Amino acid sequence: MAADFVYTFVASFWVRRETTSVAYRRHPFAVITLFGFLLSMVPAAANAQTVLITGANSGIGLEFTKQYAARGWTVIATHRRSELPATLAELTAKYKTMRIERVDVTDVEQVRALAKRLENVPIDVLINNAGIYNDRGTCAADDDACAGDWTTQNFGKMRYQLLDTILAVNVKGPLLVSEMLFPNVKASKLKKLVAISSSNGSLTGPQAGGGAIFYRSSKAALNRAMQLVAASVKGDGVTVVMLNPGPTLTEHQMYLKGQFKGMLETSFTVGNMIKTIDAVTIADTGKFLRYDGVAEAW
C-alpha cells in the first residue's frame, strides 16, 4: 500500500510539473531520482511478509507466532476458542503486526469465511500447525497444561469418536485450509505451504510401542496428502514441505521434562523450523524434513 502511494504521488507530481514548468520537463532524471528516494523511505512496508499460523494460541503454534512477530512479519494467528486466548491478547498488545482470526479448521464454512475475510491478502508462508495428539475430553478448554488421556488410542481400548476428531483436525484441517487459502499463497512473494507433522507419521522409521494409533495414522495420512498437494501445485511455483518438530516440550508435555533425554525446548525447535522454512525452495517441495532441514524417513 505504501509503495502504491509513492507511485501515485510521483505520477501526480510529474503531471503538475508538466503543466507548469517546461524546464522541468527537460530533466526526466530528476523524476527518477525523486522516485528512488521516496521508495527508499518505505522499504519495510513495501517488502512486508505475511505468515498465517493455525492453532496459534498454544504450544508450537504460539512459539511460531512469537518468533515471526519478533521478526517484524505480519502474523495472522488463528484459534478456535470462543473468546480471545490470553496468550494472543498479550501478543497483540505488544506487536502491531498481529491479526487474530477465529476459525475451526475442520469446519468448511468457517474456513471459507476466513478465506473471504483474507481475500486479496498475500500469504508468504502458511503453517498448518493445529493438531490433536491425545484425548483431551476431560480437560478444560483453556487448560493447556492438561496432558489428557493417552490410553484411548491403544488397541483394545480405542475410543473411535476420538479417531474421527483426530483425522478431522490433523488431516482434513490442513487440506481444507491449504485449498481455501491457496490463492493467497500463490499471490505472495515466497509461496510456501508448511504442514507440521511428526516422525510418528513415518512408515519405515523407528517406532516405540504400539500406542497412539490414531495420531500416528493421522500423521502418515497428512504426509501423503501434502506430498500429493505438492505435486499438484508445483507448477504454480508453490513450495510444500512437511516438518517434524521432534519431541517438543509444549505445555501439554511439560510433565515429561527431566524424564526423557532428547526432549526439545519449544523455542529451539521452532527457531530451527523457521530457518528451514527460510531455506527451502521449490526443489524441496514434497519433502518430509526434520526441524533442522535433515530429510526424514517416510
C-alpha atoms as a PDB file:
ATOM      1  CA  MET A   1       0.000   0.000   0.000  1.00  0.00           C
ATOM      2  CA  ALA A   2       2.846   2.376   0.836  1.00  0.00           C
ATOM      3  CA  ALA A   3       4.524   1.616  -2.467  1.00  0.00           C
ATOM      4  CA  ASP A   4       1.267   2.310  -4.311  1.00  0.00           C
ATOM      5  CA  PHE A   5       1.090   5.692  -2.593  1.00  0.00           C
ATOM      6  CA  VAL A   6       4.600   6.546  -3.764  1.00  0.00           C
ATOM      7  CA  TYR A   7       3.768   5.640  -7.358  1.00  0.00           C
ATOM      8  CA  THR A   8       0.622   7.780  -7.244  1.00  0.00           C
ATOM      9  CA  PHE A   9       2.451  10.685  -5.652  1.00  0.00           C
ATOM     10  CA  VAL A  10       5.249  10.709  -8.208  1.00  0.00           C
ATOM     11  CA  ALA A  11       2.837  10.375 -11.124  1.00  0.00           C
ATOM     12  CA  SER A  12       0.669  13.255  -9.928  1.00  0.00           C
ATOM     13  CA  PHE A  13       3.735  15.353  -9.156  1.00  0.00           C
ATOM     14  CA  TRP A  14       5.010  14.793 -12.695  1.00  0.00           C
ATOM     15  CA  VAL A  15       1.704  15.871 -14.201  1.00  0.00           C
ATOM     16  CA  ARG A  16       1.641  19.088 -12.168  1.00  0.00           C
ATOM     17  CA  ARG A  17       5.185  19.967 -13.114  1.00  0.00           C
ATOM     18  CA  GLU A  18       4.485  19.184 -16.747  1.00  0.00           C
ATOM     19  CA  THR A  19       1.784  21.814 -16.854  1.00  0.00           C
ATOM     20  CA  THR A  20       3.769  24.500 -15.031  1.00  0.00           C
ATOM     21  CA  SER A  21       7.421  24.132 -15.996  1.00  0.00           C
ATOM     22  CA  VAL A  22       8.895  23.453 -19.385  1.00  0.00           C
ATOM     23  CA  ALA A  23      12.345  23.422 -17.821  1.00  0.00           C
ATOM     24  CA  TYR A  24      11.466  20.518 -15.535  1.00  0.00           C
ATOM     25  CA  ARG A  25      10.103  18.571 -18.450  1.00  0.00           C
ATOM     26  CA  ARG A  26      13.566  18.640 -19.956  1.00  0.00           C
ATOM     27  CA  HIS A  27      15.080  16.852 -16.943  1.00  0.00           C
ATOM     28  CA  PRO A  28      13.369  13.471 -16.590  1.00  0.00           C
ATOM     29  CA  PHE A  29      16.194  12.076 -14.439  1.00  0.00           C
ATOM     30  CA  ALA A  30      15.040  14.374 -11.673  1.00  0.00           C
ATOM     31  CA  VAL A  31      11.815  12.363 -11.510  1.00  0.00           C
ATOM     32  CA  ILE A  32      13.755   9.084 -11.403  1.00  0.00           C
ATOM     33  CA  THR A  33      15.911  10.363  -8.551  1.00  0.00           C
ATOM     34  CA  LEU A  34      12.865  11.525  -6.601  1.00  0.00           C
ATOM     35  CA  PHE A  35      11.074   8.232  -7.261  1.00  0.00           C
ATOM     36  CA  GLY A  36      14.009   6.183  -5.959  1.00  0.00           C
ATOM     37  CA  PHE A  37      14.353   8.363  -2.880  1.00  0.00           C
ATOM     38  CA  LEU A  38      10.689   8.015  -1.959  1.00  0.00           C
ATOM     39  CA  LEU A  39      10.753   4.249  -2.383  1.00  0.00           C
ATOM     40  CA  SER A  40      13.809   4.047  -0.136  1.00  0.00           C
ATOM     41  CA  MET A  41      11.748   5.672   2.588  1.00  0.00           C
ATOM     42  CA  VAL A  42       9.249   2.751   2.757  1.00  0.00           C
ATOM     43  CA  PRO A  43      11.209  -0.497   2.334  1.00  0.00           C
ATOM     44  CA  ALA A  44       9.639  -2.258   5.296  1.00  0.00           C
ATOM     45  CA  ALA A  45       6.086  -1.603   4.128  1.00  0.00           C
ATOM     46  CA  ALA A  46       6.838  -2.442   0.521  1.00  0.00           C
ATOM     47  CA  ASN A  47       8.580  -5.702   1.404  1.00  0.00           C
ATOM     48  CA  ALA A  48       6.480  -6.804   4.390  1.00  0.00           C
ATOM     49  CA  GLN A  49       5.999 -10.556   4.607  1.00  0.00           C
ATOM     50  CA  THR A  50       2.980 -12.362   5.998  1.00  0.00           C
ATOM     51  CA  VAL A  51       2.614 -15.708   7.757  1.00  0.00           C
ATOM     52  CA  LEU A  52      -0.617 -17.443   8.723  1.00  0.00           C
ATOM     53  CA  ILE A  53      -0.426 -19.928  11.592  1.00  0.00           C
ATOM     54  CA  THR A  54      -3.251 -22.250  12.629  1.00  0.00           C
ATOM     55  CA  GLY A  55      -3.541 -23.314  16.265  1.00  0.00           C
ATOM     56  CA  ALA A  56      -1.549 -20.240  17.242  1.00  0.00           C
ATOM     57  CA  ASN A  57      -2.708 -19.853  20.832  1.00  0.00           C
ATOM     58  CA  SER A  58      -0.537 -22.534  22.454  1.00  0.00           C
ATOM     59  CA  GLY A  59       2.434 -24.848  22.032  1.00  0.00           C
ATOM     60  CA  ILE A  60       4.361 -24.832  18.790  1.00  0.00           C
ATOM     61  CA  GLY A  61       1.845 -22.518  17.115  1.00  0.00           C
ATOM     62  CA  LEU A  62       2.224 -19.901  19.840  1.00  0.00           C
ATOM     63  CA  GLU A  63       6.014 -20.045  19.583  1.00  0.00           C
ATOM     64  CA  PHE A  64       5.819 -19.624  15.799  1.00  0.00           C
ATOM     65  CA  THR A  65       3.605 -16.590  16.406  1.00  0.00           C
ATOM     66  CA  LYS A  66       6.055 -15.066  18.886  1.00  0.00           C
ATOM     67  CA  GLN A  67       9.123 -15.590  16.731  1.00  0.00           C
ATOM     68  CA  TYR A  68       7.604 -14.376  13.460  1.00  0.00           C
ATOM     69  CA  ALA A  69       6.125 -11.322  15.206  1.00  0.00           C
ATOM     70  CA  ALA A  70       9.550 -10.545  16.694  1.00  0.00           C
ATOM     71  CA  ARG A  71      10.975 -10.648  13.163  1.00  0.00           C
ATOM     72  CA  GLY A  72       8.575  -7.907  12.117  1.00  0.00           C
ATOM     73  CA  TRP A  73       6.356 -10.107   9.957  1.00  0.00           C
ATOM     74  CA  THR A  74       2.628  -9.608   9.695  1.00  0.00           C
ATOM     75  CA  VAL A  75       1.229 -12.580  11.621  1.00  0.00           C
ATOM     76  CA  ILE A  76      -2.278 -13.914  11.049  1.00  0.00           C
ATOM     77  CA  ALA A  77      -2.801 -16.099  14.111  1.00  0.00           C
ATOM     78  CA  THR A  78      -5.828 -18.381  14.225  1.00  0.00           C
ATOM     79  CA  HIS A  79      -7.528 -20.106  17.142  1.00  0.00           C
ATOM     80  CA  ARG A  80     -10.883 -21.815  17.718  1.00  0.00           C
ATOM     81  CA  ARG A  81     -11.697 -20.646  21.247  1.00  0.00           C
ATOM     82  CA  SER A  82     -14.987 -18.870  21.915  1.00  0.00           C
ATOM     83  CA  GLU A  83     -13.046 -15.943  23.382  1.00  0.00           C
ATOM     84  CA  LEU A  84      -9.665 -14.417  22.575  1.00  0.00           C
ATOM     85  CA  PRO A  85      -6.986 -16.530  24.302  1.00  0.00           C
ATOM     86  CA  ALA A  86      -4.909 -14.611  26.850  1.00  0.00           C
ATOM     87  CA  THR A  87      -1.702 -15.717  25.097  1.00  0.00           C
ATOM     88  CA  LEU A  88      -2.720 -13.988  21.868  1.00  0.00           C
ATOM     89  CA  ALA A  89      -4.176 -10.962  23.637  1.00  0.00           C
ATOM     90  CA  GLU A  90      -0.762 -10.404  25.206  1.00  0.00           C
ATOM     91  CA  LEU A  91       0.972 -10.540  21.837  1.00  0.00           C
ATOM     92  CA  THR A  92      -1.479  -8.180  20.132  1.00  0.00           C
ATOM     93  CA  ALA A  93      -0.726  -5.636  22.840  1.00  0.00           C
ATOM     94  CA  LYS A  94       2.993  -5.995  22.148  1.00  0.00           C
ATOM     95  CA  TYR A  95       3.049  -6.218  18.341  1.00  0.00           C
ATOM     96  CA  LYS A  96       1.056  -4.055  15.950  1.00  0.00           C
ATOM     97  CA  THR A  97       1.593  -6.525  13.099  1.00  0.00           C
ATOM     98  CA  MET A  98      -0.709  -9.145  14.650  1.00  0.00           C
ATOM     99  CA  ARG A  99      -4.072 -10.129  13.203  1.00  0.00           C
ATOM    100  CA  ILE A 100      -6.186 -12.618  15.149  1.00  0.00           C
ATOM    101  CA  GLU A 101      -8.766 -14.791  13.401  1.00  0.00           C
ATOM    102  CA  ARG A 102     -11.139 -17.297  14.974  1.00  0.00           C
ATOM    103  CA  VAL A 103     -11.685 -20.433  12.902  1.00  0.00           C
ATOM    104  CA  ASP A 104     -12.294 -24.134  13.386  1.00  0.00           C
ATOM    105  CA  VAL A 105     -10.057 -25.677  10.717  1.00  0.00           C
ATOM    106  CA  THR A 106     -12.410 -28.655  10.356  1.00  0.00           C
ATOM    107  CA  ASP A 107     -15.443 -26.504   9.511  1.00  0.00           C
ATOM    108  CA  VAL A 108     -15.788 -25.879   5.767  1.00  0.00           C
ATOM    109  CA  GLU A 109     -17.968 -22.796   6.156  1.00  0.00           C
ATOM    110  CA  GLN A 110     -15.732 -21.233   8.780  1.00  0.00           C
ATOM    111  CA  VAL A 111     -12.628 -21.741   6.655  1.00  0.00           C
ATOM    112  CA  ARG A 112     -14.453 -20.416   3.597  1.00  0.00           C
ATOM    113  CA  ALA A 113     -15.456 -17.323   5.600  1.00  0.00           C
ATOM    114  CA  LEU A 114     -11.839 -16.869   6.684  1.00  0.00           C
ATOM    115  CA  ALA A 115     -10.712 -17.032   3.055  1.00  0.00           C
ATOM    116  CA  LYS A 116     -13.297 -14.374   2.224  1.00  0.00           C
ATOM    117  CA  ARG A 117     -12.031 -12.088   5.008  1.00  0.00           C
ATOM    118  CA  LEU A 118      -8.485 -12.546   3.756  1.00  0.00           C
ATOM    119  CA  GLU A 119      -9.336 -12.095   0.094  1.00  0.00           C
ATOM    120  CA  ASN A 120      -6.516 -10.284  -1.739  1.00  0.00           C
ATOM    121  CA  VAL A 121      -4.135 -10.684   1.241  1.00  0.00           C
ATOM    122  CA  PRO A 122      -0.944 -12.432   0.028  1.00  0.00           C
ATOM    123  CA  ILE A 123       0.303 -15.069   2.493  1.00  0.00           C
ATOM    124  CA  ASP A 124       4.013 -15.782   2.054  1.00  0.00           C
ATOM    125  CA  VAL A 125       4.096 -18.720   4.471  1.00  0.00           C
ATOM    126  CA  LEU A 126       1.048 -20.738   5.531  1.00  0.00           C
ATOM    127  CA  ILE A 127       1.767 -23.007   8.507  1.00  0.00           C
ATOM    128  CA  ASN A 128      -0.763 -25.772   9.169  1.00  0.00           C
ATOM    129  CA  ASN A 129       0.058 -26.303  12.815  1.00  0.00           C
ATOM    130  CA  ALA A 130      -3.294 -27.029  14.505  1.00  0.00           C
ATOM    131  CA  GLY A 131      -3.395 -30.632  15.605  1.00  0.00           C
ATOM    132  CA  ILE A 132      -4.548 -33.125  18.223  1.00  0.00           C
ATOM    133  CA  TYR A 133      -2.366 -35.790  19.818  1.00  0.00           C
ATOM    134  CA  ASN A 134      -4.412 -37.378  22.574  1.00  0.00           C
ATOM    135  CA  ASP A 135      -7.814 -37.475  24.238  1.00  0.00           C
ATOM    136  CA  ARG A 136      -8.413 -34.136  25.967  1.00  0.00           C
ATOM    137  CA  GLY A 137     -12.092 -34.779  26.561  1.00  0.00           C
ATOM    138  CA  THR A 138     -11.629 -34.425  30.317  1.00  0.00           C
ATOM    139  CA  CYS A 139      -9.530 -31.237  30.057  1.00  0.00           C
ATOM    140  CA  ALA A 140     -10.957 -27.748  30.463  1.00  0.00           C
ATOM    141  CA  ALA A 141     -10.831 -25.826  27.172  1.00  0.00           C
ATOM    142  CA  ASP A 142      -8.361 -23.256  28.500  1.00  0.00           C
ATOM    143  CA  ASP A 143      -6.196 -25.722  30.466  1.00  0.00           C
ATOM    144  CA  ASP A 144      -3.189 -26.057  28.179  1.00  0.00           C
ATOM    145  CA  ALA A 145      -1.199 -27.848  30.880  1.00  0.00           C
ATOM    146  CA  CYS A 146      -3.684 -30.755  30.950  1.00  0.00           C
ATOM    147  CA  ALA A 147      -1.988 -33.756  29.331  1.00  0.00           C
ATOM    148  CA  GLY A 148      -5.218 -35.647  28.668  1.00  0.00           C
ATOM    149  CA  ASP A 149      -5.702 -39.390  28.341  1.00  0.00           C
ATOM    150  CA  TRP A 150      -3.030 -41.325  26.431  1.00  0.00           C
ATOM    151  CA  THR A 151      -4.728 -44.724  26.634  1.00  0.00           C
ATOM    152  CA  THR A 152      -7.818 -44.362  24.414  1.00  0.00           C
ATOM    153  CA  GLN A 153      -5.775 -44.923  21.220  1.00  0.00           C
ATOM    154  CA  ASN A 154      -4.333 -48.243  22.367  1.00  0.00           C
ATOM    155  CA  PHE A 155      -5.536 -51.419  20.683  1.00  0.00           C
ATOM    156  CA  GLY A 156      -8.277 -52.943  22.808  1.00  0.00           C
ATOM    157  CA  LYS A 157      -9.176 -49.589  24.360  1.00  0.00           C
ATOM    158  CA  MET A 158      -9.767 -47.438  21.294  1.00  0.00           C
ATOM    159  CA  ARG A 159     -12.415 -44.725  21.505  1.00  0.00           C
ATOM    160  CA  TYR A 160     -13.479 -44.299  17.896  1.00  0.00           C
ATOM    161  CA  GLN A 161     -15.117 -40.919  18.342  1.00  0.00           C
ATOM    162  CA  LEU A 162     -11.599 -39.666  19.098  1.00  0.00           C
ATOM    163  CA  LEU A 163     -10.398 -41.113  15.781  1.00  0.00           C
ATOM    164  CA  ASP A 164     -12.970 -39.002  13.937  1.00  0.00           C
ATOM    165  CA  THR A 165     -11.763 -35.867  15.738  1.00  0.00           C
ATOM    166  CA  ILE A 166      -8.055 -36.537  15.198  1.00  0.00           C
ATOM    167  CA  LEU A 167      -8.458 -37.264  11.496  1.00  0.00           C
ATOM    168  CA  ALA A 168     -10.629 -34.160  11.063  1.00  0.00           C
ATOM    169  CA  VAL A 169      -8.119 -31.830  12.732  1.00  0.00           C
ATOM    170  CA  ASN A 170      -4.853 -33.425  11.603  1.00  0.00           C
ATOM    171  CA  VAL A 171      -5.732 -34.333   8.002  1.00  0.00           C
ATOM    172  CA  LYS A 172      -8.918 -32.606   6.878  1.00  0.00           C
ATOM    173  CA  GLY A 173      -7.930 -29.309   8.511  1.00  0.00           C
ATOM    174  CA  PRO A 174      -4.596 -28.826   6.703  1.00  0.00           C
ATOM    175  CA  LEU A 175      -6.135 -29.841   3.379  1.00  0.00           C
ATOM    176  CA  LEU A 176      -9.098 -27.508   3.825  1.00  0.00           C
ATOM    177  CA  VAL A 177      -7.036 -24.509   4.931  1.00  0.00           C
ATOM    178  CA  SER A 178      -4.432 -25.090   2.225  1.00  0.00           C
ATOM    179  CA  GLU A 179      -7.011 -25.338  -0.538  1.00  0.00           C
ATOM    180  CA  MET A 180      -9.142 -22.389   0.561  1.00  0.00           C
ATOM    181  CA  LEU A 181      -6.156 -20.092   1.084  1.00  0.00           C
ATOM    182  CA  PHE A 182      -4.097 -21.332  -1.840  1.00  0.00           C
ATOM    183  CA  PRO A 183      -4.855 -18.203  -3.925  1.00  0.00           C
ATOM    184  CA  ASN A 184      -3.333 -16.117  -1.113  1.00  0.00           C
ATOM    185  CA  VAL A 185      -0.172 -18.227  -1.045  1.00  0.00           C
ATOM    186  CA  LYS A 186       0.102 -18.244  -4.819  1.00  0.00           C
ATOM    187  CA  ALA A 187      -0.207 -14.441  -4.897  1.00  0.00           C
ATOM    188  CA  SER A 188       2.650 -13.962  -2.417  1.00  0.00           C
ATOM    189  CA  LYS A 189       6.362 -13.476  -2.934  1.00  0.00           C
ATOM    190  CA  LEU A 190       7.651 -16.533  -1.038  1.00  0.00           C
ATOM    191  CA  LYS A 191       4.859 -19.034  -1.872  1.00  0.00           C
ATOM    192  CA  LYS A 192       5.470 -21.567   0.914  1.00  0.00           C
ATOM    193  CA  LEU A 193       2.972 -24.012   2.394  1.00  0.00           C
ATOM    194  CA  VAL A 194       4.010 -25.923   5.519  1.00  0.00           C
ATOM    195  CA  ALA A 195       2.409 -28.767   7.479  1.00  0.00           C
ATOM    196  CA  ILE A 196       3.640 -29.628  10.965  1.00  0.00           C
ATOM    197  CA  SER A 197       3.905 -33.403  11.003  1.00  0.00           C
ATOM    198  CA  SER A 198       5.742 -35.897  13.214  1.00  0.00           C
ATOM    199  CA  SER A 199       8.226 -38.739  12.972  1.00  0.00           C
ATOM    200  CA  ASN A 200       5.248 -40.796  14.148  1.00  0.00           C
ATOM    201  CA  GLY A 201       3.939 -40.425  10.604  1.00  0.00           C
ATOM    202  CA  SER A 202       6.849 -42.418   9.176  1.00  0.00           C
ATOM    203  CA  LEU A 203       6.073 -45.938   7.998  1.00  0.00           C
ATOM    204  CA  THR A 204       9.734 -47.004   7.845  1.00  0.00           C
ATOM    205  CA  GLY A 205      11.301 -45.029  10.693  1.00  0.00           C
ATOM    206  CA  PRO A 206      11.785 -46.469  14.199  1.00  0.00           C
ATOM    207  CA  GLN A 207       8.620 -46.739  16.276  1.00  0.00           C
ATOM    208  CA  ALA A 208       8.427 -47.347  20.001  1.00  0.00           C
ATOM    209  CA  GLY A 209       5.498 -49.369  21.286  1.00  0.00           C
ATOM    210  CA  GLY A 210       2.075 -49.752  19.733  1.00  0.00           C
ATOM    211  CA  GLY A 211       0.200 -46.821  21.218  1.00  0.00           C
ATOM    212  CA  ALA A 212      -1.099 -43.551  19.736  1.00  0.00           C
ATOM    213  CA  ILE A 213      -2.613 -45.478  16.825  1.00  0.00           C
ATOM    214  CA  PHE A 214      -4.995 -42.696  15.788  1.00  0.00           C
ATOM    215  CA  TYR A 215      -2.388 -39.941  15.995  1.00  0.00           C
ATOM    216  CA  ARG A 216       0.310 -41.887  14.180  1.00  0.00           C
ATOM    217  CA  SER A 217      -2.106 -42.885  11.443  1.00  0.00           C
ATOM    218  CA  SER A 218      -3.219 -39.271  11.013  1.00  0.00           C
ATOM    219  CA  LYS A 219       0.345 -38.025  10.556  1.00  0.00           C
ATOM    220  CA  ALA A 220       1.076 -40.741   7.991  1.00  0.00           C
ATOM    221  CA  ALA A 221      -2.055 -39.658   6.127  1.00  0.00           C
ATOM    222  CA  LEU A 222      -1.062 -35.978   6.427  1.00  0.00           C
ATOM    223  CA  ASN A 223       2.365 -36.644   4.935  1.00  0.00           C
ATOM    224  CA  ARG A 224       0.911 -38.479   1.946  1.00  0.00           C
ATOM    225  CA  ALA A 225      -1.833 -35.895   1.430  1.00  0.00           C
ATOM    226  CA  MET A 226       0.593 -32.967   1.458  1.00  0.00           C
ATOM    227  CA  GLN A 227       3.000 -34.829  -0.812  1.00  0.00           C
ATOM    228  CA  LEU A 228       0.181 -35.039  -3.353  1.00  0.00           C
ATOM    229  CA  VAL A 229      -0.693 -31.373  -2.812  1.00  0.00           C
ATOM    230  CA  ALA A 230       2.958 -30.542  -3.528  1.00  0.00           C
ATOM    231  CA  ALA A 231       2.757 -32.364  -6.860  1.00  0.00           C
ATOM    232  CA  SER A 232      -0.480 -30.547  -7.673  1.00  0.00           C
ATOM    233  CA  VAL A 233       0.844 -27.023  -7.096  1.00  0.00           C
ATOM    234  CA  LYS A 234       4.478 -27.315  -8.129  1.00  0.00           C
ATOM    235  CA  GLY A 235       3.637 -25.777 -11.486  1.00  0.00           C
ATOM    236  CA  ASP A 236       2.384 -22.687  -9.636  1.00  0.00           C
ATOM    237  CA  GLY A 237       5.764 -22.229  -8.006  1.00  0.00           C
ATOM    238  CA  VAL A 238       4.436 -23.066  -4.522  1.00  0.00           C
ATOM    239  CA  THR A 239       6.779 -24.997  -2.228  1.00  0.00           C
ATOM    240  CA  VAL A 240       5.121 -27.547   0.086  1.00  0.00           C
ATOM    241  CA  VAL A 241       7.021 -29.235   2.922  1.00  0.00           C
ATOM    242  CA  MET A 242       6.154 -31.314   5.970  1.00  0.00           C
ATOM    243  CA  LEU A 243       8.210 -30.655   9.108  1.00  0.00           C
ATOM    244  CA  ASN A 244       8.923 -32.880  12.087  1.00  0.00           C
ATOM    245  CA  PRO A 245       9.433 -30.671  15.154  1.00  0.00           C
ATOM    246  CA  GLY A 246      10.867 -33.539  17.178  1.00  0.00           C
ATOM    247  CA  PRO A 247       9.933 -34.407  20.782  1.00  0.00           C
ATOM    248  CA  THR A 248       8.956 -30.937  21.957  1.00  0.00           C
ATOM    249  CA  LEU A 249       8.168 -29.741  25.468  1.00  0.00           C
ATOM    250  CA  THR A 250       4.896 -27.972  24.762  1.00  0.00           C
ATOM    251  CA  GLU A 251       2.535 -27.115  27.614  1.00  0.00           C
ATOM    252  CA  HIS A 252       0.823 -30.500  27.204  1.00  0.00           C
ATOM    253  CA  GLN A 253       4.096 -32.362  27.640  1.00  0.00           C
ATOM    254  CA  MET A 254       5.906 -30.345  30.302  1.00  0.00           C
ATOM    255  CA  TYR A 255       5.352 -33.176  32.776  1.00  0.00           C
ATOM    256  CA  LEU A 256       7.906 -35.144  30.704  1.00  0.00           C
ATOM    257  CA  LYS A 257      10.665 -32.625  31.408  1.00  0.00           C
ATOM    258  CA  GLY A 258      13.590 -34.408  33.009  1.00  0.00           C
ATOM    259  CA  GLN A 259      12.096 -37.845  32.417  1.00  0.00           C
ATOM    260  CA  PHE A 260      13.381 -38.469  28.894  1.00  0.00           C
ATOM    261  CA  LYS A 261      16.590 -37.477  27.181  1.00  0.00           C
ATOM    262  CA  GLY A 262      16.330 -35.565  23.937  1.00  0.00           C
ATOM    263  CA  MET A 263      13.223 -33.529  24.728  1.00  0.00           C
ATOM    264  CA  LEU A 264      13.462 -30.183  22.921  1.00  0.00           C
ATOM    265  CA  GLU A 265      12.510 -26.729  24.125  1.00  0.00           C
ATOM    266  CA  THR A 266       9.765 -25.173  22.006  1.00  0.00           C
ATOM    267  CA  SER A 267      11.856 -22.086  21.250  1.00  0.00           C
ATOM    268  CA  PHE A 268      14.680 -24.283  19.917  1.00  0.00           C
ATOM    269  CA  THR A 269      12.650 -26.455  17.577  1.00  0.00           C
ATOM    270  CA  VAL A 270      10.531 -23.559  16.266  1.00  0.00           C
ATOM    271  CA  GLY A 271      13.609 -21.390  15.718  1.00  0.00           C
ATOM    272  CA  ASN A 272      15.145 -24.187  13.663  1.00  0.00           C
ATOM    273  CA  MET A 273      11.939 -24.818  11.731  1.00  0.00           C
ATOM    274  CA  ILE A 274      11.793 -21.126  10.778  1.00  0.00           C
ATOM    275  CA  LYS A 275      15.367 -21.358   9.473  1.00  0.00           C
ATOM    276  CA  THR A 276      14.366 -24.429   7.464  1.00  0.00           C
ATOM    277  CA  ILE A 277      11.286 -22.669   6.077  1.00  0.00           C
ATOM    278  CA  ASP A 278      13.504 -19.752   5.080  1.00  0.00           C
ATOM    279  CA  ALA A 279      15.878 -22.098   3.275  1.00  0.00           C
ATOM    280  CA  VAL A 280      13.547 -24.426   1.361  1.00  0.00           C
ATOM    281  CA  THR A 281      12.918 -23.799  -2.320  1.00  0.00           C
ATOM    282  CA  ILE A 282      10.752 -25.361  -4.997  1.00  0.00           C
ATOM    283  CA  ALA A 283      13.467 -28.020  -5.333  1.00  0.00           C
ATOM    284  CA  ASP A 284      12.457 -29.267  -1.868  1.00  0.00           C
ATOM    285  CA  THR A 285       8.729 -29.425  -2.485  1.00  0.00           C
ATOM    286  CA  GLY A 286       7.051 -32.598  -1.268  1.00  0.00           C
ATOM    287  CA  LYS A 287       9.810 -33.416   1.221  1.00  0.00           C
ATOM    288  CA  PHE A 288       9.402 -34.533   4.819  1.00  0.00           C
ATOM    289  CA  LEU A 289      12.090 -32.758   6.845  1.00  0.00           C
ATOM    290  CA  ARG A 290      13.260 -32.673  10.427  1.00  0.00           C
ATOM    291  CA  TYR A 291      13.168 -29.274  12.180  1.00  0.00           C
ATOM    292  CA  ASP A 292      16.775 -28.614  11.091  1.00  0.00           C
ATOM    293  CA  GLY A 293      16.201 -29.494   7.435  1.00  0.00           C
ATOM    294  CA  VAL A 294      17.506 -33.065   7.510  1.00  0.00           C
ATOM    295  CA  ALA A 295      15.389 -35.436   5.402  1.00  0.00           C
ATOM    296  CA  GLU A 296      13.155 -37.768   7.422  1.00  0.00           C
ATOM    297  CA  ALA A 297      12.359 -41.389   6.648  1.00  0.00           C
ATOM    298  CA  TRP A 298       8.968 -41.988   5.090  1.00  0.00           C
END
